[in-house]
Amino acid sequence: MMGILTDTLNKSWVSAAQAALLNPVQSWLGEHPLAGGLLGHPLWALALVALGLLLFAGLWSAIARLTEGFWLALVQLPWRLSHWIFAAVSGLMVRWWAKPSGAKLSGTKPSGAGLGGDRLGEIMGRLETLQTEQEGLLEEMRELLGKGEE
């Protein structure tokens, strides 16, 4: 008698557990017939799972490349900023220091007006200075060659 009662309790407990686990799955499959069809054709299900995994892997690698690019840009930012600041400061210093030296070299005022005239005057003054220096060097070279012939 005890064996029959335990078998009945075990069978009722097992059937209750199966019903508790399988009823939600069966209702979900009833609402989604495509999933039920895939379970009926395991090769299609396997192919779709493989496709899903490939798409997920591609998404994962795209996210990895994006974050890698972000972190590399973030690490390079101080060097890029310092390069930009150095270029800006050196450009300002060149303009600041080169302008007075060009003005000192030009001895004559240009005939033109405006910025183009100023630049032309600077160029003319520089060419005059270079010409006088060239003449001095040519004279020195002639003297040296004249001494070498004697």
Protein backbone atom coordinates (compact mmCIF):
# COMPACT_ATOMS: atom_id res chain seq x y z
CA MET A 1 0.00 0.00 0.00
CA MET A 2 2.80 2.35 0.89
CA GLY A 3 4.55 1.63 -2.42
CA ILE A 4 1.46 2.53 -4.40
CA LEU A 5 1.06 5.79 -2.47
CA THR A 6 4.70 6.77 -3.05
CA ASP A 7 4.45 5.92 -6.73
CA THR A 8 1.33 8.05 -7.01
CA LEU A 9 2.97 10.95 -5.18
CA ASN A 10 6.12 10.64 -7.28
CA LYS A 11 4.12 10.45 -10.51
CA SER A 12 1.96 13.41 -9.55
CA TRP A 13 5.02 15.42 -8.48
CA VAL A 14 6.84 14.61 -11.73
CA SER A 15 3.82 15.47 -13.84
CA ALA A 16 3.33 18.72 -11.92
CA ALA A 17 6.99 19.66 -12.46
CA GLN A 18 6.73 18.82 -16.17
CA ALA A 19 3.58 20.87 -16.50
CA ALA A 20 5.19 23.80 -14.68
CA LEU A 21 8.21 23.73 -16.95
CA LEU A 22 6.65 22.78 -20.27
CA ASN A 23 3.40 24.80 -20.24
CA PRO A 24 5.13 28.21 -20.56
CA VAL A 25 7.36 26.87 -23.33
CA GLN A 26 4.40 25.34 -25.18
CA SER A 27 2.37 28.54 -24.88
CA TRP A 28 5.30 30.61 -26.14
CA LEU A 29 5.79 28.26 -29.08
CA GLY A 30 2.07 28.55 -29.82
CA GLU A 31 2.40 32.33 -29.94
CA HIS A 32 5.54 32.13 -32.11
CA PRO A 33 4.99 29.53 -34.83
CA LEU A 34 8.27 30.38 -36.58
CA ALA A 35 10.23 29.24 -33.52
CA GLY A 36 8.18 26.04 -33.46
CA GLY A 37 9.02 25.47 -37.13
CA LEU A 38 12.71 25.96 -36.40
CA LEU A 39 12.56 23.40 -33.63
CA GLY A 40 11.07 21.01 -36.17
CA HIS A 41 14.03 21.63 -38.54
CA PRO A 42 17.21 21.61 -36.45
CA LEU A 43 19.56 22.29 -39.40
CA TRP A 44 17.83 25.61 -40.08
CA ALA A 45 17.98 26.41 -36.38
CA LEU A 46 21.70 25.57 -36.32
CA ALA A 47 22.32 27.76 -39.39
CA LEU A 48 20.43 30.67 -37.84
CA VAL A 49 22.30 30.28 -34.55
CA ALA A 50 25.63 30.30 -36.46
CA LEU A 51 24.53 33.39 -38.40
CA GLY A 52 23.49 35.09 -35.18
CA LEU A 53 26.85 34.27 -33.59
CA LEU A 54 28.72 35.69 -36.61
CA LEU A 55 26.67 38.87 -36.51
CA PHE A 56 27.25 39.18 -32.78
CA ALA A 57 31.01 38.63 -33.26
CA GLY A 58 31.07 41.34 -35.94
CA LEU A 59 29.20 43.73 -33.68
CA TRP A 60 31.55 42.91 -30.84
CA SER A 61 34.66 43.57 -32.96
CA ALA A 62 33.18 46.83 -34.27
CA ILE A 63 32.58 47.99 -30.71
CA ALA A 64 36.14 46.95 -29.81
CA ARG A 65 37.61 48.92 -32.72
CA LEU A 66 35.51 51.95 -31.82
CA THR A 67 36.62 51.93 -28.20
CA GLU A 68 40.23 51.27 -29.24
CA GLY A 69 40.14 54.29 -31.54
CA PHE A 70 38.59 56.41 -28.78
CA TRP A 71 41.24 55.44 -26.23
CA LEU A 72 44.10 55.92 -28.70
CA ALA A 73 42.78 59.38 -29.57
CA LEU A 74 42.45 60.16 -25.88
CA VAL A 75 46.04 59.06 -25.20
CA GLN A 76 47.38 61.02 -28.19
CA LEU A 77 45.47 64.16 -27.24
CA PRO A 78 48.18 65.73 -25.00
CA TRP A 79 50.83 65.31 -27.70
CA ARG A 80 48.56 66.71 -30.39
CA LEU A 81 47.62 69.66 -28.20
CA SER A 82 51.24 70.37 -27.32
CA HIS A 83 52.19 70.14 -31.01
CA TRP A 84 49.39 72.56 -31.93
CA ILE A 85 50.33 74.99 -29.12
CA PHE A 86 54.03 74.80 -30.04
CA ALA A 87 53.27 75.48 -33.71
CA ALA A 88 51.02 78.41 -32.83
CA VAL A 89 53.53 79.95 -30.41
CA SER A 90 56.49 79.46 -32.73
CA GLY A 91 54.52 80.97 -35.63
CA LEU A 92 53.67 84.00 -33.50
CA MET A 93 57.28 84.36 -32.37
CA VAL A 94 58.58 84.11 -35.93
CA ARG A 95 56.16 86.80 -37.05
CA TRP A 96 56.98 88.93 -34.03
CA TRP A 97 60.78 88.64 -34.36
CA ALA A 98 61.04 88.57 -38.17
CA LYS A 99 59.06 91.74 -38.73
CA PRO A 100 61.45 94.11 -36.86
CA SER A 101 64.53 92.53 -38.46
CA GLY A 102 63.02 93.00 -41.92
CA ALA A 103 62.19 96.62 -41.10
CA LYS A 104 65.79 97.26 -39.97
CA LEU A 105 67.15 95.88 -43.25
CA SER A 106 65.06 98.08 -45.50
CA GLY A 107 66.75 101.43 -45.74
CA THR A 108 64.36 102.92 -48.28
CA LYS A 109 60.67 103.48 -48.11
CA PRO A 110 58.68 101.67 -50.78
CA SER A 111 56.80 103.63 -53.38
CA GLY A 112 53.72 101.40 -53.05
CA ALA A 113 51.20 101.71 -50.23
CA GLY A 114 49.77 99.09 -47.89
CA LEU A 115 51.09 95.71 -46.86
CA GLY A 116 52.39 94.81 -50.32
CA GLY A 117 54.48 97.98 -50.37
CA ASP A 118 55.95 97.19 -46.94
CA ARG A 119 56.93 93.73 -48.05
CA LEU A 120 58.44 95.06 -51.28
CA GLY A 121 60.51 97.53 -49.26
CA GLU A 122 61.75 94.73 -47.03
CA ILE A 123 62.71 92.62 -50.03
CA MET A 124 64.50 95.51 -51.73
CA GLY A 125 66.45 96.33 -48.57
CA ARG A 126 67.48 92.72 -48.13
CA LEU A 127 68.59 92.45 -51.78
CA GLU A 128 70.69 95.58 -51.41
CA THR A 129 72.37 94.18 -48.31
CA LEU A 130 73.07 90.88 -50.03
CA GLN A 131 74.49 92.65 -53.08
CA THR A 132 76.94 94.69 -51.00
CA GLU A 133 77.98 91.55 -49.10
CA GLN A 134 78.45 89.69 -52.41
CA GLU A 135 80.64 92.48 -53.78
CA GLY A 136 82.78 92.42 -50.63
CA LEU A 137 83.22 88.65 -50.86
CA LEU A 138 84.12 88.83 -54.56
CA GLU A 139 86.75 91.46 -53.80
CA GLU A 140 88.22 89.32 -51.03
CA MET A 141 88.26 86.30 -53.38
CA ARG A 142 90.11 88.32 -56.06
CA GLU A 143 92.72 89.39 -53.50
CA LEU A 144 93.25 85.79 -52.39
CA LEU A 145 93.55 84.58 -55.97
CA GLY A 146 95.93 87.43 -56.79
CA LYS A 147 98.19 86.47 -53.85
CA GLY A 148 98.12 82.81 -54.91
CA GLU A 149 99.44 83.64 -58.43
CA GLU A 150 102.43 85.57 -57.15
